[in-house]
PDB file of N, CA and C in Angstrom:
ATOM      1  N   MET A   1     -23.495  13.626  -8.248  1.00  0.00           N
ATOM      2  CA  MET A   1     -22.216  13.296  -7.494  1.00  0.00           C
ATOM      3  C   MET A   1     -21.063  14.814  -7.673  1.00  0.00           C
ATOM      4  N   SER A   2     -20.625  14.409  -6.327  1.00  0.00           N
ATOM      5  CA  SER A   2     -19.776  15.567  -6.800  1.00  0.00           C
ATOM      6  C   SER A   2     -18.234  15.823  -5.897  1.00  0.00           C
ATOM      7  N   ILE A   3     -17.356  16.101  -6.240  1.00  0.00           N
ATOM      8  CA  ILE A   3     -16.021  15.585  -6.070  1.00  0.00           C
ATOM      9  C   ILE A   3     -15.666  16.211  -4.457  1.00  0.00           C
ATOM     10  N   ASP A   4     -14.871  15.609  -3.463  1.00  0.00           N
ATOM     11  CA  ASP A   4     -14.483  15.973  -1.750  1.00  0.00           C
ATOM     12  C   ASP A   4     -13.279  16.315  -2.120  1.00  0.00           C
ATOM     13  N   ARG A   5     -13.028  17.903  -2.328  1.00  0.00           N
ATOM     14  CA  ARG A   5     -11.863  18.613  -2.529  1.00  0.00           C
ATOM     15  C   ARG A   5     -10.856  17.943  -1.563  1.00  0.00           C
ATOM     16  N   GLY A   6     -11.015  17.397  -0.303  1.00  0.00           N
ATOM     17  CA  GLY A   6      -9.750  17.341   0.873  1.00  0.00           C
ATOM     18  C   GLY A   6      -9.411  16.139   0.548  1.00  0.00           C
ATOM     19  N   THR A   7     -10.620  14.519  -0.068  1.00  0.00           N
ATOM     20  CA  THR A   7      -9.649  13.294  -0.209  1.00  0.00           C
ATOM     21  C   THR A   7      -8.922  13.640  -1.554  1.00  0.00           C
ATOM     22  N   VAL A   8      -9.346  14.436  -2.473  1.00  0.00           N
ATOM     23  CA  VAL A   8      -8.654  14.591  -3.908  1.00  0.00           C
ATOM     24  C   VAL A   8      -7.535  15.392  -3.433  1.00  0.00           C
ATOM     25  N   GLN A   9      -7.231  16.887  -2.914  1.00  0.00           N
ATOM     26  CA  GLN A   9      -6.348  17.571  -2.567  1.00  0.00           C
ATOM     27  C   GLN A   9      -5.156  16.342  -1.423  1.00  0.00           C
ATOM     28  N   PHE A  10      -6.011  15.481  -0.613  1.00  0.00           N
ATOM     29  CA  PHE A  10      -4.633  14.797  -0.235  1.00  0.00           C
ATOM     30  C   PHE A  10      -3.791  13.566  -0.857  1.00  0.00           C
ATOM     31  N   PHE A  11      -4.432  13.200  -1.895  1.00  0.00           N
ATOM     32  CA  PHE A  11      -3.781  12.509  -2.820  1.00  0.00           C
ATOM     33  C   PHE A  11      -2.968  13.232  -3.484  1.00  0.00           C
ATOM     34  N   LEU A  12      -3.262  14.391  -4.010  1.00  0.00           N
ATOM     35  CA  LEU A  12      -2.487  15.354  -5.030  1.00  0.00           C
ATOM     36  C   LEU A  12      -1.234  15.689  -4.195  1.00  0.00           C
ATOM     37  N   ASP A  13      -1.616  16.276  -2.954  1.00  0.00           N
ATOM     38  CA  ASP A  13      -0.076  16.558  -2.346  1.00  0.00           C
ATOM     39  C   ASP A  13       0.906  15.477  -2.143  1.00  0.00           C
ATOM     40  N   GLY A  14       0.053  14.122  -1.866  1.00  0.00           N
ATOM     41  CA  GLY A  14       0.921  12.932  -1.728  1.00  0.00           C
ATOM     42  C   GLY A  14       1.493  12.525  -3.033  1.00  0.00           C
ATOM     43  N   ALA A  15       1.038  12.758  -4.130  1.00  0.00           N
ATOM     44  CA  ALA A  15       2.085  12.858  -5.942  1.00  0.00           C
ATOM     45  C   ALA A  15       2.639  13.386  -5.497  1.00  0.00           C
ATOM     46  N   VAL A  16       3.143  14.458  -5.144  1.00  0.00           N
ATOM     47  CA  VAL A  16       3.702  15.673  -5.023  1.00  0.00           C
ATOM     48  C   VAL A  16       4.628  15.246  -4.216  1.00  0.00           C
ATOM     49  N   ALA A  17       4.548  14.894  -2.851  1.00  0.00           N
ATOM     50  CA  ALA A  17       5.298  14.664  -1.998  1.00  0.00           C
ATOM     51  C   ALA A  17       6.414  13.409  -2.227  1.00  0.00           C
ATOM     52  N   SER A  18       5.504  12.705  -3.257  1.00  0.00           N
ATOM     53  CA  SER A  18       6.323  11.004  -3.448  1.00  0.00           C
ATOM     54  C   SER A  18       6.601  10.842  -4.966  1.00  0.00           C
ATOM     55  N   ARG A  19       6.725  11.738  -5.279  1.00  0.00           N
ATOM     56  CA  ARG A  19       7.288  11.490  -6.747  1.00  0.00           C
ATOM     57  C   ARG A  19       8.221  11.015  -7.549  1.00  0.00           C
ATOM     58  N   ASP A  20       9.247  10.791  -7.112  1.00  0.00           N
ATOM     59  CA  ASP A  20      10.198  10.078  -7.395  1.00  0.00           C
ATOM     60  C   ASP A  20      10.529   8.554  -5.915  1.00  0.00           C
ATOM     61  N   ASN A  21       9.667   8.461  -5.128  1.00  0.00           N
ATOM     62  CA  ASN A  21       9.700   7.781  -4.129  1.00  0.00           C
ATOM     63  C   ASN A  21       8.811   6.671  -4.081  1.00  0.00           C
ATOM     64  N   ALA A  22       8.613   5.298  -4.488  1.00  0.00           N
ATOM     65  CA  ALA A  22       7.635   4.358  -5.102  1.00  0.00           C
ATOM     66  C   ALA A  22       6.983   4.034  -3.391  1.00  0.00           C
ATOM     67  N   ALA A  23       7.253   3.725  -2.882  1.00  0.00           N
ATOM     68  CA  ALA A  23       7.489   2.944  -1.177  1.00  0.00           C
ATOM     69  C   ALA A  23       6.642   4.210  -0.519  1.00  0.00           C
ATOM     70  N   HIS A  24       6.544   5.607  -0.657  1.00  0.00           N
ATOM     71  CA  HIS A  24       6.259   6.784  -0.387  1.00  0.00           C
ATOM     72  C   HIS A  24       4.905   6.800  -0.665  1.00  0.00           C
ATOM     73  N   TRP A  25       4.797   6.300  -1.951  1.00  0.00           N
ATOM     74  CA  TRP A  25       3.219   6.802  -2.825  1.00  0.00           C
ATOM     75  C   TRP A  25       2.365   5.836  -2.530  1.00  0.00           C
ATOM     76  N   PHE A  26       3.194   4.195  -2.125  1.00  0.00           N
ATOM     77  CA  PHE A  26       2.239   3.290  -2.132  1.00  0.00           C
ATOM     78  C   PHE A  26       1.603   3.317  -0.353  1.00  0.00           C
ATOM     79  N   ARG A  27       2.483   3.923   0.632  1.00  0.00           N
ATOM     80  CA  ARG A  27       1.437   4.491   1.578  1.00  0.00           C
ATOM     81  C   ARG A  27       0.663   5.406   1.803  1.00  0.00           C
ATOM     82  N   TYR A  28       0.945   6.237   0.513  1.00  0.00           N
ATOM     83  CA  TYR A  28      -0.938   7.211   0.253  1.00  0.00           C
ATOM     84  C   TYR A  28      -1.796   5.884  -0.289  1.00  0.00           C
ATOM     85  N   LEU A  29      -1.580   5.742  -0.969  1.00  0.00           N
ATOM     86  CA  LEU A  29      -2.428   4.732  -1.851  1.00  0.00           C
ATOM     87  C   LEU A  29      -3.465   3.237  -0.927  1.00  0.00           C
ATOM     88  N   ARG A  30      -1.965   3.147   0.396  1.00  0.00           N
ATOM     89  CA  ARG A  30      -3.182   2.250   0.762  1.00  0.00           C
ATOM     90  C   ARG A  30      -4.092   2.896   1.598  1.00  0.00           C
ATOM     91  N   LYS A  31      -4.260   3.988   1.831  1.00  0.00           N
ATOM     92  CA  LYS A  31      -5.490   4.823   2.399  1.00  0.00           C
ATOM     93  C   LYS A  31      -6.992   4.875   1.703  1.00  0.00           C
ATOM     94  N   ILE A  32      -6.679   4.348   0.147  1.00  0.00           N
ATOM     95  CA  ILE A  32      -7.836   4.507  -0.605  1.00  0.00           C
ATOM     96  C   ILE A  32      -8.602   3.128  -0.198  1.00  0.00           C
ATOM     97  N   VAL A  33      -8.288   1.862   0.102  1.00  0.00           N
ATOM     98  CA  VAL A  33      -8.841   1.329   0.496  1.00  0.00           C
ATOM     99  C   VAL A  33      -9.402   1.479   2.051  1.00  0.00           C
ATOM    100  N   LYS A  34     -10.769   1.563   1.700  1.00  0.00           N
ATOM    101  CA  LYS A  34     -11.270   1.437   2.845  1.00  0.00           C
ATOM    102  C   LYS A  34     -11.616   0.650   4.202  1.00  0.00           C
ATOM    103  N   GLY A  35     -12.310  -0.825   3.182  1.00  0.00           N
ATOM    104  CA  GLY A  35     -12.923  -2.179   3.576  1.00  0.00           C
ATOM    105  C   GLY A  35     -12.312  -2.966   2.773  1.00  0.00           C
ATOM    106  N   LYS A  36     -13.227  -4.209   2.895  1.00  0.00           N
ATOM    107  CA  LYS A  36     -13.556  -4.813   1.534  1.00  0.00           C
ATOM    108  C   LYS A  36     -13.742  -4.840   0.491  1.00  0.00           C
ATOM    109  N   ASN A  37     -13.661  -4.650  -0.137  1.00  0.00           N
ATOM    110  CA  ASN A  37     -14.241  -3.465  -2.039  1.00  0.00           C
ATOM    111  C   ASN A  37     -14.897  -2.165  -1.442  1.00  0.00           C
ATOM    112  N   ASP A  38     -14.293  -1.914  -0.411  1.00  0.00           N
ATOM    113  CA  ASP A  38     -14.381  -0.334  -0.260  1.00  0.00           C
ATOM    114  C   ASP A  38     -13.866   0.983  -0.743  1.00  0.00           C
ATOM    115  N   PHE A  39     -13.785   1.641  -1.415  1.00  0.00           N
ATOM    116  CA  PHE A  39     -13.075   2.609  -1.707  1.00  0.00           C
ATOM    117  C   PHE A  39     -12.997   4.155  -1.323  1.00  0.00           C
ATOM    118  N   VAL A  40     -12.114   4.750  -0.962  1.00  0.00           N
ATOM    119  CA  VAL A  40     -12.417   6.438  -0.639  1.00  0.00           C
ATOM    120  C   VAL A  40     -13.026   7.089  -1.276  1.00  0.00           C
ATOM    121  N   LEU A  41     -12.261   6.480  -2.714  1.00  0.00           N
ATOM    122  CA  LEU A  41     -12.243   7.690  -3.901  1.00  0.00           C
ATOM    123  C   LEU A  41     -13.702   7.337  -4.614  1.00  0.00           C
ATOM    124  N   THR A  42     -14.386   7.729  -5.433  1.00  0.00           N
ATOM    125  CA  THR A  42     -15.427   7.412  -5.942  1.00  0.00           C
ATOM    126  C   THR A  42     -14.568   7.851  -7.401  1.00  0.00           C
ATOM    127  N   GLN A  43     -15.558   7.097  -8.386  1.00  0.00           N
ATOM    128  CA  GLN A  43     -15.021   6.896 -10.059  1.00  0.00           C
ATOM    129  C   GLN A  43     -14.787   8.601 -10.805  1.00  0.00           C
ATOM    130  N   GLU A  44     -15.274   9.289  -9.837  1.00  0.00           N
ATOM    131  CA  GLU A  44     -15.744  10.684 -10.716  1.00  0.00           C
ATOM    132  C   GLU A  44     -14.332  11.293 -10.000  1.00  0.00           C
ATOM    133  N   GLU A  45     -13.951  11.412  -8.656  1.00  0.00           N
ATOM    134  CA  GLU A  45     -13.107  11.499  -8.409  1.00  0.00           C
ATOM    135  C   GLU A  45     -11.502  10.779  -8.799  1.00  0.00           C
ATOM    136  N   LEU A  46     -11.557   9.493  -9.142  1.00  0.00           N
ATOM    137  CA  LEU A  46     -10.520   9.145  -9.589  1.00  0.00           C
ATOM    138  C   LEU A  46     -10.223   9.500 -11.138  1.00  0.00           C
ATOM    139  N   SER A  47     -11.470  10.295 -11.726  1.00  0.00           N
ATOM    140  CA  SER A  47     -10.899  10.002 -13.150  1.00  0.00           C
ATOM    141  C   SER A  47     -10.499  11.919 -13.037  1.00  0.00           C
ATOM    142  N   TRP A  48     -10.946  12.905 -12.410  1.00  0.00           N
ATOM    143  CA  TRP A  48     -10.295  13.795 -11.828  1.00  0.00           C
ATOM    144  C   TRP A  48      -8.621  13.701 -11.440  1.00  0.00           C
ATOM    145  N   LEU A  49      -8.670  13.058 -10.362  1.00  0.00           N
ATOM    146  CA  LEU A  49      -7.475  12.996  -9.804  1.00  0.00           C
ATOM    147  C   LEU A  49      -6.431  12.259 -11.241  1.00  0.00           C
ATOM    148  N   LEU A  50      -6.673  11.054 -12.393  1.00  0.00           N
ATOM    149  CA  LEU A  50      -6.069  10.892 -13.526  1.00  0.00           C
ATOM    150  C   LEU A  50      -5.581  11.930 -14.481  1.00  0.00           C
ATOM    151  N   SER A  51      -6.561  13.003 -14.730  1.00  0.00           N
ATOM    152  CA  SER A  51      -6.758  13.781 -15.345  1.00  0.00           C
ATOM    153  C   SER A  51      -5.061  14.770 -14.634  1.00  0.00           C
ATOM    154  N   ARG A  52      -4.861  15.139 -13.890  1.00  0.00           N
ATOM    155  CA  ARG A  52      -4.264  16.099 -13.382  1.00  0.00           C
ATOM    156  C   ARG A  52      -2.209  15.908 -13.757  1.00  0.00           C
ATOM    157  N   ASP A  53      -1.930  16.994 -13.913  1.00  0.00           N
ATOM    158  CA  ASP A  53      -0.525  16.900 -14.534  1.00  0.00           C
ATOM    159  C   ASP A  53       0.439  16.432 -13.503  1.00  0.00           C
ATOM    160  N   GLU A  54       0.013  16.604 -11.851  1.00  0.00           N
ATOM    161  CA  GLU A  54       1.016  16.549 -10.546  1.00  0.00           C
ATOM    162  C   GLU A  54       1.067  15.245 -10.614  1.00  0.00           C
ATOM    163  N   LEU A  55       0.326  13.895 -10.989  1.00  0.00           N
ATOM    164  CA  LEU A  55       0.283  12.999 -10.612  1.00  0.00           C
ATOM    165  C   LEU A  55       1.259  12.429 -11.939  1.00  0.00           C
ATOM    166  N   SER A  56       2.484  11.221 -11.737  1.00  0.00           N
ATOM    167  CA  SER A  56       3.538  11.072 -12.867  1.00  0.00           C
ATOM    168  C   SER A  56       2.434   9.994 -13.700  1.00  0.00           C
ATOM    169  N   CYS A  57       2.830   9.352 -14.168  1.00  0.00           N
ATOM    170  CA  CYS A  57       2.370   8.093 -15.043  1.00  0.00           C
ATOM    171  C   CYS A  57       2.385   6.538 -14.407  1.00  0.00           C
ATOM    172  N   PHE A  58       3.643   6.782 -13.768  1.00  0.00           N
ATOM    173  CA  PHE A  58       3.685   4.974 -12.506  1.00  0.00           C
ATOM    174  C   PHE A  58       2.637   6.014 -11.503  1.00  0.00           C
ATOM    175  N   GLN A  59       2.741   7.185 -11.185  1.00  0.00           N
ATOM    176  CA  GLN A  59       1.140   7.382 -10.179  1.00  0.00           C
ATOM    177  C   GLN A  59       0.450   6.894 -10.692  1.00  0.00           C
ATOM    178  N   LYS A  60      -0.305   7.517 -11.719  1.00  0.00           N
ATOM    179  CA  LYS A  60      -1.750   7.513 -12.689  1.00  0.00           C
ATOM    180  C   LYS A  60      -2.234   5.794 -12.767  1.00  0.00           C
ATOM    181  N   VAL A  61      -1.286   4.965 -13.314  1.00  0.00           N
ATOM    182  CA  VAL A  61      -1.528   3.600 -13.443  1.00  0.00           C
ATOM    183  C   VAL A  61      -1.362   2.858 -11.839  1.00  0.00           C
ATOM    184  N   THR A  62      -0.660   2.916 -11.373  1.00  0.00           N
ATOM    185  CA  THR A  62      -0.469   2.544  -9.433  1.00  0.00           C
ATOM    186  C   THR A  62      -2.206   2.820  -8.827  1.00  0.00           C
ATOM    187  N   LEU A  63      -2.167   4.093  -9.246  1.00  0.00           N
ATOM    188  CA  LEU A  63      -3.420   4.453  -8.469  1.00  0.00           C
ATOM    189  C   LEU A  63      -5.031   4.046  -9.073  1.00  0.00           C
ATOM    190  N   LYS A  64      -5.102   3.597 -10.779  1.00  0.00           N
ATOM    191  CA  LYS A  64      -5.445   3.357 -11.525  1.00  0.00           C
ATOM    192  C   LYS A  64      -6.246   1.659 -10.797  1.00  0.00           C
ATOM    193  N   ARG A  65      -4.749   0.986 -10.874  1.00  0.00           N
ATOM    194  CA  ARG A  65      -5.110  -0.623 -10.453  1.00  0.00           C
ATOM    195  C   ARG A  65      -4.793  -0.998  -9.215  1.00  0.00           C
ATOM    196  N   ALA A  66      -4.863   0.317  -8.399  1.00  0.00           N
ATOM    197  CA  ALA A  66      -5.408  -0.207  -6.955  1.00  0.00           C
ATOM    198  C   ALA A  66      -6.762   0.022  -6.260  1.00  0.00           C
ATOM    199  N   MET A  67      -7.310   0.559  -7.201  1.00  0.00           N
ATOM    200  CA  MET A  67      -8.768   0.935  -7.344  1.00  0.00           C
ATOM    201  C   MET A  67      -9.606  -0.327  -8.173  1.00  0.00           C
ATOM    202  N   THR A  68      -8.726  -1.230  -8.608  1.00  0.00           N
ATOM    203  CA  THR A  68      -9.309  -1.828  -9.940  1.00  0.00           C
ATOM    204  C   THR A  68      -8.750  -3.269  -8.931  1.00  0.00           C
ATOM    205  N   ILE A  69     -10.110  -3.960  -8.690  1.00  0.00           N
ATOM    206  CA  ILE A  69     -10.470  -4.610  -7.580  1.00  0.00           C
ATOM    207  C   ILE A  69      -9.900  -6.404  -8.272  1.00  0.00           C
ATOM    208  N   GLY A  70      -9.272  -6.828  -7.838  1.00  0.00           N
ATOM    209  CA  GLY A  70      -8.651  -7.994  -8.298  1.00  0.00           C
ATOM    210  C   GLY A  70      -7.555  -8.388  -8.591  1.00  0.00           C
ATOM    211  N   THR A  71      -7.257  -7.313  -9.123  1.00  0.00           N
ATOM    212  CA  THR A  71      -5.598  -6.746  -9.571  1.00  0.00           C
ATOM    213  C   THR A  71      -4.407  -6.665  -8.475  1.00  0.00           C
ATOM    214  N   PRO A  72      -3.065  -7.163  -9.191  1.00  0.00           N
ATOM    215  CA  PRO A  72      -2.254  -7.526  -8.132  1.00  0.00           C
ATOM    216  C   PRO A  72      -1.652  -6.040  -6.903  1.00  0.00           C
ATOM    217  N   THR A  73      -1.874  -5.166  -8.042  1.00  0.00           N
ATOM    218  CA  THR A  73      -1.916  -4.072  -7.197  1.00  0.00           C
ATOM    219  C   THR A  73      -2.483  -3.185  -6.214  1.00  0.00           C
ATOM    220  N   TYR A  74      -4.137  -4.048  -6.516  1.00  0.00           N
ATOM    221  CA  TYR A  74      -5.536  -3.858  -5.497  1.00  0.00           C
ATOM    222  C   TYR A  74      -4.792  -4.749  -4.218  1.00  0.00           C
ATOM    223  N   GLN A  75      -4.209  -5.825  -4.511  1.00  0.00           N
ATOM    224  CA  GLN A  75      -4.127  -6.955  -3.384  1.00  0.00           C
ATOM    225  C   GLN A  75      -2.961  -5.968  -2.722  1.00  0.00           C
ATOM    226  N   TYR A  76      -1.784  -5.619  -3.583  1.00  0.00           N
ATOM    227  CA  TYR A  76      -0.426  -5.310  -2.414  1.00  0.00           C
ATOM    228  C   TYR A  76      -1.492  -4.161  -1.579  1.00  0.00           C
ATOM    229  N   VAL A  77      -2.014  -3.257  -2.088  1.00  0.00           N
ATOM    230  CA  VAL A  77      -2.048  -2.039  -1.304  1.00  0.00           C
ATOM    231  C   VAL A  77      -3.062  -2.526   0.079  1.00  0.00           C
ATOM    232  N   LYS A  78      -4.126  -3.584  -0.186  1.00  0.00           N
ATOM    233  CA  LYS A  78      -5.307  -3.764   0.547  1.00  0.00           C
ATOM    234  C   LYS A  78      -3.650  -4.735   1.881  1.00  0.00           C
ATOM    235  N   SER A  79      -3.231  -5.284   1.591  1.00  0.00           N
ATOM    236  CA  SER A  79      -2.430  -5.817   2.340  1.00  0.00           C
ATOM    237  C   SER A  79      -1.388  -5.316   2.957  1.00  0.00           C
ATOM    238  N   LEU A  80      -1.518  -3.646   2.527  1.00  0.00           N
ATOM    239  CA  LEU A  80      -0.394  -2.634   3.169  1.00  0.00           C
ATOM    240  C   LEU A  80      -1.397  -2.485   4.440  1.00  0.00           C
ATOM    241  N   ASN A  81      -2.831  -2.871   4.276  1.00  0.00           N
ATOM    242  CA  ASN A  81      -3.807  -2.218   5.554  1.00  0.00           C
ATOM    243  C   ASN A  81      -3.706  -3.806   6.333  1.00  0.00           C
ATOM    244  N   GLU A  82      -3.288  -4.756   6.497  1.00  0.00           N
ATOM    245  CA  GLU A  82      -3.956  -5.618   7.141  1.00  0.00           C
ATOM    246  C   GLU A  82      -2.812  -5.622   8.186  1.00  0.00           C
ATOM    247  N   LYS A  83      -2.707  -6.817   9.380  1.00  0.00           N
ATOM    248  CA  LYS A  83      -2.075  -7.166  10.282  1.00  0.00           C
ATOM    249  C   LYS A  83      -1.063  -8.052   9.827  1.00  0.00           C
ATOM    250  N   TRP A  84       0.680  -7.442  10.126  1.00  0.00           N
ATOM    251  CA  TRP A  84       1.562  -7.873   9.545  1.00  0.00           C
ATOM    252  C   TRP A  84       1.675  -9.201  11.023  1.00  0.00           C
ATOM    253  N   THR A  85       1.800  -9.986  10.667  1.00  0.00           N
ATOM    254  CA  THR A  85       1.670 -11.099  11.279  1.00  0.00           C
ATOM    255  C   THR A  85       3.314 -12.370  11.141  1.00  0.00           C
ATOM    256  N   PRO A  86       4.147 -12.082  12.341  1.00  0.00           N
ATOM    257  CA  PRO A  86       5.179 -12.715  11.790  1.00  0.00           C
ATOM    258  C   PRO A  86       5.468 -14.443  11.860  1.00  0.00           C
ATOM    259  N   THR A  87       5.688 -15.291  11.439  1.00  0.00           N
ATOM    260  CA  THR A  87       5.337 -16.695  10.817  1.00  0.00           C
ATOM    261  C   THR A  87       6.401 -16.978  11.459  1.00  0.00           C
ATOM    262  N   PHE A  88       7.731 -16.089  11.157  1.00  0.00           N
ATOM    263  CA  PHE A  88       8.928 -16.714  11.045  1.00  0.00           C
ATOM    264  C   PHE A  88       9.673 -16.660  12.582  1.00  0.00           C
ATOM    265  N   TRP A  89       8.636 -15.954  13.438  1.00  0.00           N
ATOM    266  CA  TRP A  89       9.405 -15.895  14.709  1.00  0.00           C
ATOM    267  C   TRP A  89       9.572 -17.016  15.868  1.00  0.00           C
ATOM    268  N   PRO A  90       8.508 -17.863  15.579  1.00  0.00           N
ATOM    269  CA  PRO A  90       8.842 -18.797  16.529  1.00  0.00           C
ATOM    270  C   PRO A  90      10.145 -19.478  16.007  1.00  0.00           C
ATOM    271  N   GLU A  91      10.133 -19.528  15.165  1.00  0.00           N
ATOM    272  CA  GLU A  91      11.637 -20.854  14.634  1.00  0.00           C
ATOM    273  C   GLU A  91      12.238 -19.561  15.194  1.00  0.00           C
ATOM    274  N   LEU A  92      12.302 -18.586  14.731  1.00  0.00           N
ATOM    275  CA  LEU A  92      13.814 -17.910  15.490  1.00  0.00           C
ATOM    276  C   LEU A  92      14.021 -17.872  16.573  1.00  0.00           C
ATOM    277  N   LEU A  93      12.986 -18.114  17.250  1.00  0.00           N
ATOM    278  CA  LEU A  93      12.846 -17.745  18.716  1.00  0.00           C
ATOM    279  C   LEU A  93      13.884 -19.160  19.010  1.00  0.00           C
ATOM    280  N   ARG A  94      13.233 -20.102  18.436  1.00  0.00           N
ATOM    281  CA  ARG A  94      13.774 -21.575  18.424  1.00  0.00           C
ATOM    282  C   ARG A  94      15.058 -21.930  18.686  1.00  0.00           C
ATOM    283  N   ARG A  95      15.774 -21.575  17.261  1.00  0.00           N
ATOM    284  CA  ARG A  95      17.182 -21.386  16.609  1.00  0.00           C
ATOM    285  C   ARG A  95      18.049 -20.425  18.362  1.00  0.00           C
ATOM    286  N   MET A  96      17.116 -19.448  18.461  1.00  0.00           N
ATOM    287  CA  MET A  96      18.405 -18.432  19.062  1.00  0.00           C
ATOM    288  C   MET A  96      18.457 -18.605  20.647  1.00  0.00           C
ATOM    289  N   LYS A  97      17.253 -19.521  21.181  1.00  0.00           N
ATOM    290  CA  LYS A  97      17.509 -20.542  22.537  1.00  0.00           C
ATOM    291  C   LYS A  97      18.878 -21.802  21.878  1.00  0.00           C
ATOM    292  N   ASP A  98      18.412 -22.439  20.992  1.00  0.00           N
ATOM    293  CA  ASP A  98      19.597 -23.259  20.678  1.00  0.00           C
ATOM    294  C   ASP A  98      20.697 -22.207  20.621  1.00  0.00           C
ATOM    295  N   ALA A  99      21.185 -21.877  20.494  1.00  0.00           N
ATOM    296  CA  ALA A  99      22.417 -20.792  19.664  1.00  0.00           C
ATOM    297  C   ALA A  99      22.655 -20.748  21.660  1.00  0.00           C
ATOM    298  N   THR A 100      21.812 -20.103  22.415  1.00  0.00           N
ATOM    299  CA  THR A 100      22.553 -20.169  23.566  1.00  0.00           C
ATOM    300  C   THR A 100      22.848 -21.453  24.717  1.00  0.00           C
ATOM    301  N   GLN A 101      22.364 -22.441  23.820  1.00  0.00           N
ATOM    302  CA  GLN A 101      22.684 -23.301  24.493  1.00  0.00           C
ATOM    303  C   GLN A 101      24.010 -24.578  24.150  1.00  0.00           C
ATOM    304  N   GLY A 102      23.843 -23.794  22.889  1.00  0.00           N
ATOM    305  CA  GLY A 102      25.233 -24.736  22.417  1.00  0.00           C
ATOM    306  C   GLY A 102      24.726 -25.332  21.279  1.00  0.00           C
ATOM    307  N   ASN A 103      23.491 -25.516  20.630  1.00  0.00           N
ATOM    308  CA  ASN A 103      23.189 -26.774  19.777  1.00  0.00           C
ATOM    309  C   ASN A 103      23.652 -26.122  18.378  1.00  0.00           C
ATOM    310  N   ALA A 104      23.527 -27.289  17.839  1.00  0.00           N
ATOM    311  CA  ALA A 104      24.553 -26.826  16.592  1.00  0.00           C
ATOM    312  C   ALA A 104      23.326 -27.083  15.339  1.00  0.00           C
ATOM    313  N   SER A 105      21.699 -27.163  15.802  1.00  0.00           N
ATOM    314  CA  SER A 105      21.280 -26.911  14.950  1.00  0.00           C
ATOM    315  C   SER A 105      20.964 -25.547  14.309  1.00  0.00           C
ATOM    316  N   VAL A 106      21.550 -24.574  14.978  1.00  0.00           N
ATOM    317  CA  VAL A 106      21.301 -22.970  14.758  1.00  0.00           C
ATOM    318  C   VAL A 106      21.645 -22.933  12.941  1.00  0.00           C
ATOM    319  N   THR A 107      22.947 -23.850  12.691  1.00  0.00           N
ATOM    320  CA  THR A 107      23.640 -23.644  11.380  1.00  0.00           C
ATOM    321  C   THR A 107      22.574 -23.809  10.753  1.00  0.00           C
ATOM    322  N   GLN A 108      21.719 -24.477  10.356  1.00  0.00           N
ATOM    323  CA  GLN A 108      20.502 -25.404   9.645  1.00  0.00           C
ATOM    324  C   GLN A 108      19.663 -24.601   9.028  1.00  0.00           C
TER     325      GLN A 108
END
């Protein structure tokens, strides 16, 4: 196996750009998960990235955990790629409608 320099360079650049910003780093990490239980990085590329000084300890831990199926970090990163369904919208719209009609149930 060989290391895809383009892929690992993307994550190295991302690590440098997001060094002090966890939310920014997680936006890079979401690119790791391709599909269900499928990753962009190989184990060889992961090992190479984990050995680099460009990644902080936090970045190394979250990278490794994001590539471990079943961990909370993996679940979170995977959820970043899923469509967001705002379950509170119908209730919010109902309350707004009630408010415009002068209904007291808005304050509940």
